[in-house]
């Protein structure tokens, strides 16, 4: 877990306790203003950390694409962990669109790690494209709307996550698609 978002979660927890204590004494607007400022701070932390994570994902995907075989397994695992962390962070701050784009990447890299599918050039190109789309989504501040292009990317990742025997990986977290 990212230490920045963990710290933000601790701040939020402390703030919630402070808000309860304050509400017992008065119901002033300063609490709402403080809470709004905290939420803005959390979103700024998320955006900053997400961009750093995405930069690392894209760098590692580019390394894989250029044929770095000596530490291939380490790069794949690192991408998986970054995407998993980003998905959770996006969920924590209710950025459902970014979460929805991270989920199929996480599934794909889990399958690669497990030897169920191969890490092909086509797949890496799609990973890079999806990573850039997540960056654009975060920059736009889009919370819970998927564009037609994003839905197409998710469908392509889903197709590429199918094993050579034709079996496809399970659709985990199916409730995500229902909520978008």
N, C-alpha and C. Protein backbone atom coordinates (compact mmCIF):
# COMPACT_ATOMS: atom_id res chain seq x y z
N UNK A 1 0.85 -1.18 0.00
CA UNK A 1 0.00 0.00 0.00
C UNK A 1 0.89 1.24 0.00
N UNK A 2 0.47 2.23 -0.72
CA UNK A 2 1.24 3.46 -0.78
C UNK A 2 1.17 4.19 0.56
N UNK A 3 2.33 4.64 1.02
CA UNK A 3 2.38 5.31 2.32
C UNK A 3 1.64 6.64 2.29
N UNK A 4 1.63 7.32 1.17
CA UNK A 4 0.93 8.60 1.08
C UNK A 4 -0.57 8.44 1.27
N UNK A 5 -1.15 7.45 0.60
CA UNK A 5 -2.58 7.25 0.75
C UNK A 5 -2.91 6.65 2.10
N UNK A 6 -2.01 5.84 2.64
CA UNK A 6 -2.22 5.32 3.99
C UNK A 6 -2.25 6.48 4.97
N UNK A 7 -1.31 7.40 4.83
CA UNK A 7 -1.28 8.58 5.70
C UNK A 7 -2.55 9.40 5.52
N UNK A 8 -3.02 9.50 4.28
CA UNK A 8 -4.25 10.24 4.02
C UNK A 8 -5.43 9.55 4.70
N UNK A 9 -5.45 8.23 4.68
CA UNK A 9 -6.50 7.49 5.37
C UNK A 9 -6.47 7.72 6.87
N UNK A 10 -5.26 7.78 7.43
CA UNK A 10 -5.12 8.06 8.85
C UNK A 10 -5.62 9.47 9.14
N UNK A 11 -5.28 10.43 8.27
CA UNK A 11 -5.77 11.81 8.44
C UNK A 11 -7.29 11.84 8.42
N UNK A 12 -7.87 11.10 7.48
CA UNK A 12 -9.32 11.07 7.36
C UNK A 12 -9.94 10.46 8.61
N UNK A 13 -9.35 9.40 9.13
CA UNK A 13 -9.85 8.76 10.34
C UNK A 13 -9.78 9.72 11.53
N UNK A 14 -8.64 10.39 11.67
CA UNK A 14 -8.50 11.36 12.76
C UNK A 14 -9.50 12.49 12.59
N UNK A 15 -9.70 12.92 11.34
CA UNK A 15 -10.63 14.01 11.08
C UNK A 15 -12.05 13.60 11.44
N UNK A 16 -12.42 12.35 11.10
CA UNK A 16 -13.76 11.88 11.42
C UNK A 16 -13.97 11.89 12.93
N UNK A 17 -12.95 11.48 13.69
CA UNK A 17 -13.05 11.50 15.14
C UNK A 17 -13.18 12.94 15.63
N UNK A 18 -12.34 13.84 15.07
CA UNK A 18 -12.40 15.24 15.46
C UNK A 18 -13.76 15.82 15.13
N UNK A 19 -14.31 15.47 13.98
CA UNK A 19 -15.61 15.99 13.57
C UNK A 19 -16.70 15.54 14.54
N UNK A 20 -16.65 14.28 14.95
CA UNK A 20 -17.63 13.79 15.92
C UNK A 20 -17.52 14.57 17.23
N UNK A 21 -16.27 14.77 17.70
CA UNK A 21 -16.07 15.52 18.94
C UNK A 21 -16.59 16.94 18.79
N UNK A 22 -16.28 17.57 17.66
CA UNK A 22 -16.69 18.96 17.44
C UNK A 22 -18.21 19.06 17.35
N UNK A 23 -18.83 18.10 16.67
CA UNK A 23 -20.28 18.14 16.52
C UNK A 23 -21.00 17.99 17.85
N UNK A 24 -20.33 17.39 18.82
CA UNK A 24 -20.95 17.28 20.13
C UNK A 24 -21.02 18.66 20.80
N UNK A 25 -20.15 19.57 20.38
CA UNK A 25 -20.09 20.88 21.02
C UNK A 25 -20.77 21.98 20.20
N UNK A 26 -20.62 21.89 18.88
CA UNK A 26 -21.30 22.87 18.03
C UNK A 26 -21.42 22.31 16.62
N UNK A 27 -22.15 22.94 15.79
CA UNK A 27 -22.33 22.44 14.42
C UNK A 27 -21.92 23.50 13.42
N UNK A 28 -20.81 24.15 13.64
CA UNK A 28 -20.35 25.24 12.80
C UNK A 28 -19.94 24.81 11.41
N UNK A 29 -19.90 25.78 10.49
CA UNK A 29 -19.50 25.53 9.12
C UNK A 29 -18.02 25.22 8.98
N UNK A 30 -17.21 25.55 9.99
CA UNK A 30 -15.78 25.31 9.88
C UNK A 30 -15.46 23.83 9.74
N UNK A 31 -16.27 22.97 10.33
CA UNK A 31 -16.05 21.53 10.21
C UNK A 31 -16.27 21.10 8.77
N UNK A 32 -17.33 21.57 8.14
CA UNK A 32 -17.60 21.22 6.75
C UNK A 32 -16.50 21.75 5.84
N UNK A 33 -16.01 22.95 6.11
CA UNK A 33 -14.93 23.51 5.32
C UNK A 33 -13.66 22.68 5.51
N UNK A 34 -13.37 22.29 6.74
CA UNK A 34 -12.20 21.46 7.01
C UNK A 34 -12.32 20.12 6.29
N UNK A 35 -13.51 19.54 6.31
CA UNK A 35 -13.73 18.26 5.66
C UNK A 35 -13.55 18.40 4.14
N UNK A 36 -14.08 19.46 3.57
CA UNK A 36 -13.92 19.71 2.13
C UNK A 36 -12.45 19.87 1.77
N UNK A 37 -11.71 20.60 2.60
CA UNK A 37 -10.28 20.77 2.35
C UNK A 37 -9.54 19.44 2.44
N UNK A 38 -9.93 18.59 3.38
CA UNK A 38 -9.31 17.28 3.51
C UNK A 38 -9.57 16.43 2.27
N UNK A 39 -10.81 16.46 1.79
CA UNK A 39 -11.13 15.69 0.59
C UNK A 39 -10.34 16.19 -0.62
N UNK A 40 -10.20 17.50 -0.75
CA UNK A 40 -9.39 18.06 -1.84
C UNK A 40 -7.94 17.60 -1.72
N UNK A 41 -7.44 17.58 -0.50
CA UNK A 41 -6.07 17.13 -0.26
C UNK A 41 -5.91 15.65 -0.62
N UNK A 42 -6.89 14.84 -0.25
CA UNK A 42 -6.85 13.41 -0.59
C UNK A 42 -6.84 13.21 -2.10
N UNK A 43 -7.67 13.96 -2.81
CA UNK A 43 -7.72 13.82 -4.28
C UNK A 43 -6.40 14.26 -4.91
N UNK A 44 -5.82 15.31 -4.40
CA UNK A 44 -4.52 15.76 -4.92
C UNK A 44 -3.45 14.71 -4.66
N UNK A 45 -3.47 14.11 -3.47
CA UNK A 45 -2.52 13.03 -3.15
C UNK A 45 -2.73 11.85 -4.09
N UNK A 46 -3.99 11.49 -4.31
CA UNK A 46 -4.29 10.37 -5.21
C UNK A 46 -3.76 10.66 -6.61
N UNK A 47 -4.06 11.84 -7.13
CA UNK A 47 -3.64 12.16 -8.49
C UNK A 47 -2.13 12.15 -8.64
N UNK A 48 -1.43 12.69 -7.66
CA UNK A 48 0.03 12.71 -7.71
C UNK A 48 0.59 11.29 -7.66
N UNK A 49 0.13 10.50 -6.71
CA UNK A 49 0.64 9.13 -6.58
C UNK A 49 0.23 8.26 -7.76
N UNK A 50 -0.97 8.45 -8.26
CA UNK A 50 -1.42 7.68 -9.41
C UNK A 50 -0.56 7.96 -10.63
N UNK A 51 -0.23 9.22 -10.85
CA UNK A 51 0.63 9.56 -11.99
C UNK A 51 2.02 8.96 -11.83
N UNK A 52 2.54 8.93 -10.61
CA UNK A 52 3.84 8.28 -10.38
C UNK A 52 3.75 6.78 -10.65
N UNK A 53 2.69 6.16 -10.16
CA UNK A 53 2.51 4.71 -10.39
C UNK A 53 2.38 4.42 -11.88
N UNK A 54 1.58 5.21 -12.57
CA UNK A 54 1.40 4.98 -14.00
C UNK A 54 2.69 5.19 -14.77
N UNK A 55 3.50 6.16 -14.37
CA UNK A 55 4.80 6.36 -15.03
C UNK A 55 5.67 5.12 -14.86
N UNK A 56 5.65 4.53 -13.66
CA UNK A 56 6.43 3.30 -13.43
C UNK A 56 5.89 2.14 -14.26
N UNK A 57 4.57 2.01 -14.33
CA UNK A 57 3.96 0.95 -15.14
C UNK A 57 4.37 1.11 -16.60
N UNK A 58 4.25 2.32 -17.12
CA UNK A 58 4.59 2.55 -18.53
C UNK A 58 6.07 2.32 -18.79
N UNK A 59 6.94 2.75 -17.89
CA UNK A 59 8.38 2.51 -18.06
C UNK A 59 8.68 1.01 -18.11
N UNK A 60 8.06 0.27 -17.20
CA UNK A 60 8.32 -1.19 -17.13
C UNK A 60 7.71 -1.90 -18.34
N UNK A 61 6.55 -1.47 -18.79
CA UNK A 61 5.95 -2.06 -19.99
C UNK A 61 6.82 -1.78 -21.21
N UNK A 62 7.39 -0.58 -21.29
CA UNK A 62 8.30 -0.26 -22.39
C UNK A 62 9.56 -1.12 -22.33
N UNK A 63 10.06 -1.37 -21.12
CA UNK A 63 11.22 -2.26 -20.98
C UNK A 63 10.88 -3.67 -21.46
N UNK A 64 9.74 -4.17 -21.08
CA UNK A 64 9.32 -5.50 -21.54
C UNK A 64 9.17 -5.52 -23.06
N UNK A 65 8.60 -4.46 -23.59
CA UNK A 65 8.38 -4.38 -25.03
C UNK A 65 9.71 -4.36 -25.80
N UNK A 66 10.73 -3.76 -25.19
CA UNK A 66 12.03 -3.70 -25.87
C UNK A 66 12.86 -4.96 -25.67
N UNK A 67 12.30 -5.95 -24.96
CA UNK A 67 12.95 -7.26 -24.89
C UNK A 67 13.85 -7.51 -23.70
N UNK A 68 13.69 -6.82 -22.61
CA UNK A 68 14.49 -7.06 -21.40
C UNK A 68 14.09 -8.41 -20.81
N UNK A 69 14.88 -9.44 -21.10
CA UNK A 69 14.55 -10.79 -20.67
C UNK A 69 15.15 -11.12 -19.31
N UNK A 70 16.22 -10.48 -18.91
CA UNK A 70 16.92 -10.88 -17.69
C UNK A 70 16.07 -10.69 -16.43
N UNK A 71 15.27 -9.68 -16.39
CA UNK A 71 14.43 -9.45 -15.21
C UNK A 71 12.94 -9.38 -15.57
N UNK A 72 12.56 -10.15 -16.57
CA UNK A 72 11.19 -10.16 -17.08
C UNK A 72 10.16 -10.48 -15.99
N UNK A 73 10.39 -11.53 -15.23
CA UNK A 73 9.44 -11.93 -14.18
C UNK A 73 9.30 -10.83 -13.14
N UNK A 74 10.40 -10.17 -12.80
CA UNK A 74 10.37 -9.08 -11.82
C UNK A 74 9.57 -7.89 -12.37
N UNK A 75 9.77 -7.57 -13.64
CA UNK A 75 9.03 -6.47 -14.26
C UNK A 75 7.53 -6.76 -14.29
N UNK A 76 7.17 -8.00 -14.65
CA UNK A 76 5.76 -8.39 -14.71
C UNK A 76 5.14 -8.31 -13.32
N UNK A 77 5.81 -8.82 -12.32
CA UNK A 77 5.28 -8.77 -10.96
C UNK A 77 5.15 -7.32 -10.48
N UNK A 78 6.13 -6.51 -10.81
CA UNK A 78 6.10 -5.11 -10.39
C UNK A 78 4.93 -4.37 -11.03
N UNK A 79 4.67 -4.62 -12.31
CA UNK A 79 3.53 -4.00 -12.98
C UNK A 79 2.24 -4.46 -12.31
N UNK A 80 2.15 -5.75 -12.04
CA UNK A 80 0.95 -6.28 -11.37
C UNK A 80 0.71 -5.55 -10.05
N UNK A 81 1.75 -5.42 -9.23
CA UNK A 81 1.60 -4.78 -7.93
C UNK A 81 1.22 -3.31 -8.04
N UNK A 82 1.83 -2.61 -8.99
CA UNK A 82 1.50 -1.18 -9.20
C UNK A 82 0.03 -1.01 -9.61
N UNK A 83 -0.42 -1.85 -10.55
CA UNK A 83 -1.79 -1.74 -11.04
C UNK A 83 -2.78 -2.13 -9.93
N UNK A 84 -2.44 -3.16 -9.18
CA UNK A 84 -3.30 -3.58 -8.06
C UNK A 84 -3.44 -2.44 -7.03
N UNK A 85 -2.32 -1.82 -6.70
CA UNK A 85 -2.33 -0.71 -5.75
C UNK A 85 -3.12 0.48 -6.29
N UNK A 86 -2.91 0.79 -7.55
CA UNK A 86 -3.63 1.91 -8.17
C UNK A 86 -5.13 1.64 -8.20
N UNK A 87 -5.51 0.42 -8.51
CA UNK A 87 -6.94 0.07 -8.52
C UNK A 87 -7.55 0.31 -7.13
N UNK A 88 -6.87 -0.14 -6.10
CA UNK A 88 -7.37 0.06 -4.74
C UNK A 88 -7.43 1.52 -4.34
N UNK A 89 -6.42 2.27 -4.74
CA UNK A 89 -6.42 3.71 -4.44
C UNK A 89 -7.56 4.42 -5.15
N UNK A 90 -7.78 4.06 -6.41
CA UNK A 90 -8.87 4.66 -7.17
C UNK A 90 -10.22 4.33 -6.51
N UNK A 91 -10.35 3.12 -6.04
CA UNK A 91 -11.58 2.72 -5.36
C UNK A 91 -11.76 3.53 -4.08
N UNK A 92 -10.66 3.74 -3.36
CA UNK A 92 -10.73 4.44 -2.07
C UNK A 92 -11.21 5.89 -2.21
N UNK A 93 -10.92 6.50 -3.35
CA UNK A 93 -11.33 7.89 -3.56
C UNK A 93 -12.47 8.01 -4.57
N UNK A 94 -13.12 6.87 -4.82
CA UNK A 94 -14.30 6.82 -5.67
C UNK A 94 -14.04 7.27 -7.11
N UNK A 95 -12.91 6.90 -7.64
CA UNK A 95 -12.58 7.17 -9.05
C UNK A 95 -12.85 5.88 -9.82
N UNK A 96 -14.13 5.59 -10.03
CA UNK A 96 -14.58 4.31 -10.58
C UNK A 96 -14.08 4.07 -12.00
N UNK A 97 -13.96 5.10 -12.79
CA UNK A 97 -13.50 4.93 -14.16
C UNK A 97 -12.05 4.42 -14.17
N UNK A 98 -11.19 5.05 -13.38
CA UNK A 98 -9.80 4.60 -13.29
C UNK A 98 -9.74 3.18 -12.73
N UNK A 99 -10.57 2.90 -11.75
CA UNK A 99 -10.63 1.55 -11.17
C UNK A 99 -11.03 0.53 -12.24
N UNK A 100 -12.04 0.87 -13.03
CA UNK A 100 -12.53 -0.03 -14.07
C UNK A 100 -11.47 -0.32 -15.13
N UNK A 101 -10.62 0.65 -15.42
CA UNK A 101 -9.55 0.45 -16.38
C UNK A 101 -8.39 -0.36 -15.78
N UNK A 102 -8.18 -0.22 -14.48
CA UNK A 102 -7.11 -0.98 -13.81
C UNK A 102 -7.45 -2.46 -13.65
N UNK A 103 -8.71 -2.76 -13.43
CA UNK A 103 -9.11 -4.13 -13.15
C UNK A 103 -8.68 -5.12 -14.23
N UNK A 104 -8.96 -4.89 -15.52
CA UNK A 104 -8.53 -5.87 -16.52
C UNK A 104 -7.00 -5.95 -16.64
N UNK A 105 -6.30 -4.84 -16.39
CA UNK A 105 -4.84 -4.91 -16.39
C UNK A 105 -4.35 -5.82 -15.27
N UNK A 106 -4.96 -5.68 -14.11
CA UNK A 106 -4.58 -6.53 -12.98
C UNK A 106 -4.84 -8.00 -13.31
N UNK A 107 -6.00 -8.30 -13.90
CA UNK A 107 -6.34 -9.67 -14.26
C UNK A 107 -5.34 -10.22 -15.27
N UNK A 108 -5.00 -9.43 -16.27
CA UNK A 108 -4.05 -9.86 -17.31
C UNK A 108 -2.68 -10.16 -16.70
N UNK A 109 -2.19 -9.26 -15.85
CA UNK A 109 -0.86 -9.50 -15.28
C UNK A 109 -0.86 -10.64 -14.26
N UNK A 110 -1.98 -10.87 -13.63
CA UNK A 110 -2.10 -12.05 -12.77
C UNK A 110 -2.01 -13.32 -13.61
N UNK A 111 -2.67 -13.32 -14.76
CA UNK A 111 -2.64 -14.47 -15.66
C UNK A 111 -1.24 -14.69 -16.24
N UNK A 112 -0.56 -13.60 -16.56
CA UNK A 112 0.82 -13.73 -17.07
C UNK A 112 1.71 -14.34 -15.99
N UNK A 113 1.58 -13.81 -14.78
CA UNK A 113 2.38 -14.33 -13.66
C UNK A 113 2.10 -15.82 -13.44
N UNK A 114 0.85 -16.21 -13.59
CA UNK A 114 0.45 -17.60 -13.37
C UNK A 114 0.72 -18.51 -14.55
N UNK A 115 1.28 -17.96 -15.63
CA UNK A 115 1.60 -18.78 -16.80
C UNK A 115 0.40 -19.16 -17.65
N UNK A 116 -0.73 -18.48 -17.46
CA UNK A 116 -1.93 -18.81 -18.21
C UNK A 116 -1.96 -18.16 -19.58
N UNK A 117 -1.33 -16.99 -19.71
CA UNK A 117 -1.22 -16.32 -21.01
C UNK A 117 0.20 -15.79 -21.16
N UNK A 118 0.56 -15.50 -22.40
CA UNK A 118 1.89 -14.97 -22.69
C UNK A 118 1.85 -13.45 -22.75
N UNK A 119 2.97 -12.87 -22.40
CA UNK A 119 3.13 -11.42 -22.44
C UNK A 119 3.61 -11.05 -23.85
N UNK A 120 2.67 -10.81 -24.76
CA UNK A 120 2.98 -10.55 -26.17
C UNK A 120 3.18 -9.06 -26.42
N UNK A 121 3.74 -8.76 -27.58
CA UNK A 121 3.92 -7.36 -27.98
C UNK A 121 2.56 -6.67 -28.12
N UNK A 122 1.58 -7.38 -28.67
CA UNK A 122 0.24 -6.81 -28.81
C UNK A 122 -0.34 -6.46 -27.44
N UNK A 123 -0.16 -7.34 -26.49
CA UNK A 123 -0.66 -7.10 -25.15
C UNK A 123 0.05 -5.91 -24.51
N UNK A 124 1.37 -5.84 -24.66
CA UNK A 124 2.12 -4.73 -24.07
C UNK A 124 1.72 -3.39 -24.68
N UNK A 125 1.46 -3.38 -25.97
CA UNK A 125 0.99 -2.15 -26.62
C UNK A 125 -0.36 -1.72 -26.04
N UNK A 126 -1.22 -2.69 -25.80
CA UNK A 126 -2.52 -2.40 -25.21
C UNK A 126 -2.38 -1.93 -23.76
N UNK A 127 -1.43 -2.48 -23.04
CA UNK A 127 -1.15 -2.05 -21.65
C UNK A 127 -0.70 -0.59 -21.65
N UNK A 128 0.18 -0.24 -22.56
CA UNK A 128 0.67 1.13 -22.65
C UNK A 128 -0.47 2.08 -23.02
N UNK A 129 -1.29 1.69 -23.98
CA UNK A 129 -2.44 2.50 -24.38
C UNK A 129 -3.40 2.69 -23.21
N UNK A 130 -3.66 1.61 -22.47
CA UNK A 130 -4.57 1.69 -21.33
C UNK A 130 -3.98 2.56 -20.22
N UNK A 131 -2.69 2.43 -19.99
CA UNK A 131 -2.02 3.27 -18.98
C UNK A 131 -2.14 4.74 -19.31
N UNK A 132 -1.97 5.08 -20.57
CA UNK A 132 -2.13 6.48 -20.99
C UNK A 132 -3.58 6.94 -20.85
N UNK A 133 -4.51 6.06 -21.11
CA UNK A 133 -5.93 6.40 -20.96
C UNK A 133 -6.27 6.64 -19.50
N UNK A 134 -5.69 5.84 -18.61
CA UNK A 134 -5.90 6.06 -17.18
C UNK A 134 -5.34 7.43 -16.78
N UNK A 135 -4.17 7.77 -17.31
CA UNK A 135 -3.58 9.09 -17.01
C UNK A 135 -4.53 10.20 -17.46
N UNK A 136 -5.10 10.09 -18.65
CA UNK A 136 -6.03 11.10 -19.15
C UNK A 136 -7.29 11.17 -18.28
N UNK A 137 -7.76 10.02 -17.86
CA UNK A 137 -8.96 9.96 -17.02
C UNK A 137 -8.71 10.67 -15.70
N UNK A 138 -7.56 10.42 -15.11
CA UNK A 138 -7.23 11.05 -13.83
C UNK A 138 -7.06 12.56 -14.02
N UNK A 139 -6.41 12.97 -15.10
CA UNK A 139 -6.22 14.40 -15.36
C UNK A 139 -7.55 15.12 -15.57
N UNK A 140 -8.51 14.42 -16.21
CA UNK A 140 -9.84 15.02 -16.44
C UNK A 140 -10.66 15.09 -15.16
N UNK A 141 -10.27 14.28 -14.19
CA UNK A 141 -11.04 14.24 -12.96
C UNK A 141 -12.31 13.41 -13.09
N UNK A 142 -12.36 12.58 -14.12
CA UNK A 142 -13.55 11.76 -14.35
C UNK A 142 -13.69 10.73 -13.24
N UNK A 143 -14.84 10.69 -12.64
CA UNK A 143 -15.07 9.78 -11.53
C UNK A 143 -15.66 8.46 -11.94
N UNK A 144 -16.81 8.48 -12.60
CA UNK A 144 -17.50 7.22 -12.82
C UNK A 144 -18.11 7.10 -14.21
N UNK A 145 -17.47 7.66 -15.21
CA UNK A 145 -18.02 7.53 -16.55
C UNK A 145 -16.97 6.90 -17.46
N UNK A 146 -17.36 5.85 -18.15
CA UNK A 146 -16.48 5.22 -19.13
C UNK A 146 -16.88 5.70 -20.51
N UNK A 147 -15.88 6.04 -21.31
CA UNK A 147 -16.14 6.42 -22.69
C UNK A 147 -16.22 5.17 -23.54
N UNK A 148 -16.71 5.31 -24.76
CA UNK A 148 -16.76 4.18 -25.69
C UNK A 148 -15.36 3.62 -25.94
N UNK A 149 -14.36 4.50 -26.06
CA UNK A 149 -12.98 4.05 -26.27
C UNK A 149 -12.47 3.24 -25.08
N UNK A 150 -12.82 3.68 -23.87
CA UNK A 150 -12.39 2.96 -22.69
C UNK A 150 -13.05 1.59 -22.59
N UNK A 151 -14.31 1.51 -22.95
CA UNK A 151 -15.01 0.23 -22.96
C UNK A 151 -14.37 -0.70 -23.98
N UNK A 152 -13.98 -0.15 -25.13
CA UNK A 152 -13.29 -0.95 -26.14
C UNK A 152 -11.95 -1.46 -25.62
N UNK A 153 -11.20 -0.63 -24.93
CA UNK A 153 -9.92 -1.07 -24.35
C UNK A 153 -10.15 -2.22 -23.36
N UNK A 154 -11.14 -2.08 -22.52
CA UNK A 154 -11.45 -3.13 -21.54
C UNK A 154 -11.80 -4.42 -22.26
N UNK A 155 -12.60 -4.33 -23.33
CA UNK A 155 -12.98 -5.53 -24.09
C UNK A 155 -11.76 -6.17 -24.74
N UNK A 156 -10.85 -5.36 -25.28
CA UNK A 156 -9.64 -5.91 -25.90
C UNK A 156 -8.77 -6.61 -24.86
N UNK A 157 -8.61 -5.99 -23.70
CA UNK A 157 -7.83 -6.63 -22.63
C UNK A 157 -8.49 -7.94 -22.23
N UNK A 158 -9.80 -7.94 -22.15
CA UNK A 158 -10.53 -9.15 -21.79
C UNK A 158 -10.29 -10.25 -22.82
N UNK A 159 -10.35 -9.91 -24.10
CA UNK A 159 -10.09 -10.90 -25.16
C UNK A 159 -8.68 -11.45 -25.05
N UNK A 160 -7.72 -10.56 -24.80
CA UNK A 160 -6.32 -11.00 -24.71
C UNK A 160 -6.04 -11.79 -23.44
N UNK A 161 -6.94 -11.73 -22.48
CA UNK A 161 -6.74 -12.49 -21.25
C UNK A 161 -7.22 -13.93 -21.38
N UNK A 162 -7.74 -14.28 -22.54
CA UNK A 162 -8.19 -15.66 -22.76
C UNK A 162 -6.98 -16.54 -23.04
N UNK A 163 -6.98 -17.70 -22.43
CA UNK A 163 -5.88 -18.65 -22.60
C UNK A 163 -5.92 -19.26 -24.00
N UNK A 164 -4.81 -19.89 -24.38
CA UNK A 164 -4.73 -20.48 -25.72
C UNK A 164 -5.77 -21.58 -25.93
N UNK A 165 -6.21 -22.24 -24.84
CA UNK A 165 -7.21 -23.29 -24.97
C UNK A 165 -8.63 -22.73 -25.12
N UNK A 166 -8.74 -21.40 -25.15
CA UNK A 166 -10.03 -20.76 -25.35
C UNK A 166 -10.74 -20.39 -24.06
N UNK A 167 -10.22 -20.88 -22.94
CA UNK A 167 -10.86 -20.53 -21.68
C UNK A 167 -10.46 -19.11 -21.30
N UNK A 168 -11.41 -18.39 -20.78
CA UNK A 168 -11.14 -17.02 -20.37
C UNK A 168 -11.08 -16.92 -18.86
N UNK A 169 -10.35 -15.95 -18.41
CA UNK A 169 -10.24 -15.74 -16.98
C UNK A 169 -11.58 -15.26 -16.44
N UNK A 170 -11.86 -15.60 -15.20
CA UNK A 170 -13.15 -15.20 -14.64
C UNK A 170 -13.27 -13.68 -14.56
N UNK A 171 -14.47 -13.21 -14.70
CA UNK A 171 -14.75 -11.78 -14.54
C UNK A 171 -14.87 -11.50 -13.05
N UNK A 172 -13.79 -11.05 -12.47
CA UNK A 172 -13.86 -10.76 -11.05
C UNK A 172 -14.49 -9.39 -10.85
N UNK A 173 -15.03 -9.20 -9.68
CA UNK A 173 -15.63 -7.93 -9.30
C UNK A 173 -16.68 -7.47 -10.31
N UNK A 174 -17.58 -8.38 -10.68
CA UNK A 174 -18.59 -8.06 -11.68
C UNK A 174 -19.51 -6.93 -11.25
N UNK A 175 -19.57 -6.68 -9.95
CA UNK A 175 -20.41 -5.59 -9.47
C UNK A 175 -19.89 -4.24 -9.94
N UNK A 176 -18.59 -4.16 -10.24
CA UNK A 176 -18.01 -2.89 -10.70
C UNK A 176 -18.73 -2.43 -11.96
N UNK A 177 -18.89 -3.33 -12.94
CA UNK A 177 -19.51 -2.92 -14.20
C UNK A 177 -20.97 -2.51 -14.00
N UNK A 178 -21.65 -3.14 -13.03
CA UNK A 178 -23.03 -2.78 -12.78
C UNK A 178 -23.16 -1.39 -12.17
N UNK A 179 -22.11 -0.97 -11.44
CA UNK A 179 -22.21 0.31 -10.75
C UNK A 179 -21.78 1.49 -11.63
N UNK A 180 -21.20 1.21 -12.77
CA UNK A 180 -20.72 2.31 -13.62
C UNK A 180 -21.82 2.77 -14.57
